[in-house]
Each structure stands twice: as structure tokens, then as C-alpha cells.
C-alpha atoms as a PDB file:
ATOM      1  CA  UNK A   1     -46.775  76.531 135.902  1.00  0.00           C
ATOM      2  CA  UNK A   2     -45.652  75.302 131.972  1.00  0.00           C
ATOM      3  CA  UNK A   3     -42.270  73.099 132.575  1.00  0.00           C
ATOM      4  CA  UNK A   4     -42.482  70.823 129.177  1.00  0.00           C
ATOM      5  CA  UNK A   5     -44.279  70.356 126.083  1.00  0.00           C
ATOM      6  CA  UNK A   6     -42.916  68.457 122.811  1.00  0.00           C
ATOM      7  CA  UNK A   7     -45.402  69.080 120.142  1.00  0.00           C
ATOM      8  CA  UNK A   8     -45.014  68.158 116.301  1.00  0.00           C
ATOM      9  CA  UNK A   9     -45.628  69.592 113.340  1.00  0.00           C
ATOM     10  CA  UNK A  10     -47.228  66.867 110.995  1.00  0.00           C
ATOM     11  CA  UNK A  11     -48.742  68.867 108.318  1.00  0.00           C
ATOM     12  CA  UNK A  12     -48.783  72.925 107.137  1.00  0.00           C
ATOM     13  CA  UNK A  13     -51.715  74.794 106.847  1.00  0.00           C
ATOM     14  CA  UNK A  14     -53.286  77.902 104.069  1.00  0.00           C
ATOM     15  CA  UNK A  15     -53.551  81.358 105.806  1.00  0.00           C
ATOM     16  CA  UNK A  16     -57.210  81.614 107.033  1.00  0.00           C
ATOM     17  CA  UNK A  17     -58.433  78.049 107.486  1.00  0.00           C
ATOM     18  CA  UNK A  18     -59.249  77.221 111.203  1.00  0.00           C
ATOM     19  CA  UNK A  19     -57.167  75.623 113.580  1.00  0.00           C
ATOM     20  CA  UNK A  20     -58.080  74.160 116.261  1.00  0.00           C
ATOM     21  CA  UNK A  21     -56.563  72.790 119.341  1.00  0.00           C
ATOM     22  CA  UNK A  22     -57.706  70.207 121.723  1.00  0.00           C
ATOM     23  CA  UNK A  23     -55.998  69.119 125.001  1.00  0.00           C
ATOM     24  CA  UNK A  24     -56.421  66.443 126.918  1.00  0.00           C
ATOM     25  CA  UNK A  25     -55.450  66.292 131.233  1.00  0.00           C
ATOM     26  CA  UNK A  26     -54.363  62.425 130.701  1.00  0.00           C
ATOM     27  CA  UNK A  27     -52.901  61.992 134.595  1.00  0.00           C
ATOM     28  CA  UNK A  28     -52.522  64.364 137.656  1.00  0.00           C
ATOM     29  CA  UNK A  29     -48.886  62.885 139.738  1.00  0.00           C
ATOM     30  CA  UNK A  30     -48.884  65.532 142.764  1.00  0.00           C
ATOM     31  CA  UNK A  31     -48.553  68.819 141.919  1.00  0.00           C
ATOM     32  CA  UNK A  32     -48.253  68.238 138.029  1.00  0.00           C
ATOM     33  CA  UNK A  33     -50.417  67.540 135.772  1.00  0.00           C
ATOM     34  CA  UNK A  34     -49.930  65.659 131.922  1.00  0.00           C
ATOM     35  CA  UNK A  35     -51.666  66.622 129.234  1.00  0.00           C
ATOM     36  CA  UNK A  36     -52.083  65.064 125.524  1.00  0.00           C
ATOM     37  CA  UNK A  37     -52.500  68.233 122.965  1.00  0.00           C
ATOM     38  CA  UNK A  38     -53.639  67.420 119.281  1.00  0.00           C
ATOM     39  CA  UNK A  39     -54.277  70.382 117.437  1.00  0.00           C
ATOM     40  CA  UNK A  40     -56.581  69.961 113.295  1.00  0.00           C
ATOM     41  CA  UNK A  41     -57.241  72.116 110.178  1.00  0.00           C
ATOM     42  CA  UNK A  42     -60.271  72.582 108.423  1.00  0.00           C
ATOM     43  CA  UNK A  43     -59.114  69.021 106.343  1.00  0.00           C
ATOM     44  CA  UNK A  44     -56.087  66.627 109.281  1.00  0.00           C
ATOM     45  CA  UNK A  45     -54.584  66.781 112.038  1.00  0.00           C
ATOM     46  CA  UNK A  46     -51.429  68.859 112.129  1.00  0.00           C
ATOM     47  CA  UNK A  47     -49.882  68.629 115.162  1.00  0.00           C
ATOM     48  CA  UNK A  48     -49.975  66.619 118.333  1.00  0.00           C
ATOM     49  CA  UNK A  49     -47.147  65.822 121.601  1.00  0.00           C
ATOM     50  CA  UNK A  50     -47.519  66.080 125.700  1.00  0.00           C
ATOM     51  CA  UNK A  51     -47.282  69.816 127.627  1.00  0.00           C
ATOM     52  CA  UNK A  52     -46.297  69.701 132.007  1.00  0.00           C
ATOM     53  CA  UNK A  53     -47.094  72.123 134.594  1.00  0.00           C
ATOM     54  CA  UNK A  54     -46.760  71.970 137.579  1.00  0.00           C
ATOM     55  CA  UNK A  55     -49.288  73.761 140.689  1.00  0.00           C
ATOM     56  CA  UNK A  56     -47.393  75.992 142.471  1.00  0.00           C
ATOM     57  CA  UNK A  57     -47.841  78.344 145.319  1.00  0.00           C
ATOM     58  CA  UNK A  58     -47.624  81.697 143.720  1.00  0.00           C
ATOM     59  CA  UNK A  59     -46.661  83.957 146.828  1.00  0.00           C
ATOM     60  CA  UNK A  60     -43.532  81.459 147.531  1.00  0.00           C
ATOM     61  CA  UNK A  61     -42.450  81.741 143.553  1.00  0.00           C
ATOM     62  CA  UNK A  62     -42.939  85.483 143.103  1.00  0.00           C
ATOM     63  CA  UNK A  63     -40.730  85.482 146.714  1.00  0.00           C
ATOM     64  CA  UNK A  64     -37.173  83.695 144.782  1.00  0.00           C
ATOM     65  CA  UNK A  65     -38.543  85.720 140.904  1.00  0.00           C
ATOM     66  CA  UNK A  66     -37.791  88.688 142.418  1.00  0.00           C
ATOM     67  CA  UNK A  67     -34.916  87.492 145.096  1.00  0.00           C
ATOM     68  CA  UNK A  68     -33.626  86.054 141.579  1.00  0.00           C
ATOM     69  CA  UNK A  69     -34.222  89.552 140.084  1.00  0.00           C
ATOM     70  CA  UNK A  70     -32.427  91.447 142.661  1.00  0.00           C
ATOM     71  CA  UNK A  71     -29.356  89.510 142.767  1.00  0.00           C
ATOM     72  CA  UNK A  72     -28.990  89.924 138.704  1.00  0.00           C
ATOM     73  CA  UNK A  73     -29.524  93.981 139.130  1.00  0.00           C
ATOM     74  CA  UNK A  74     -26.762  93.543 141.926  1.00  0.00           C
ATOM     75  CA  UNK A  75     -24.086  92.635 139.599  1.00  0.00           C
END
């Protein structure tokens, strides 16, 4: 699950030009994953930054979000 994203937009890209996003896993700290991001068009780097994700227990997450939804509907 994504928890944080911080990417700059450094240059415009004309319509129709190809864009490539590269993401590299920098490190793992327990269940936290840290990624480096770079986005290039055909001429230059147009953005760069970092993204953070957590490995989650899907059943536990679903149970929690369903409970939250049901609570909001009862209001």
C-alpha cells in the first residue's frame, strides 16, 4: 500500500512524446519499502523523487476498511 509520494515536475513534455518512468527499490526496513523514481521524456528528465509503500496483511486491511465504511453508513 502506498503511503507517501514526493515527485517533482521539472520540465514539460509535448503531447505525443514518449515518457518512461523508472522506479528502483532503494531499501527495505521491515514492512516499509522505499523507492527512487525518475521520469524521462525523449529529451530530458522531467521528474524525480521518492515513493514509500508498506507490505500489508490484506485480510486485516479489508476488515478494517469495511468496518470503517459500515460505521460511516450508520451515522
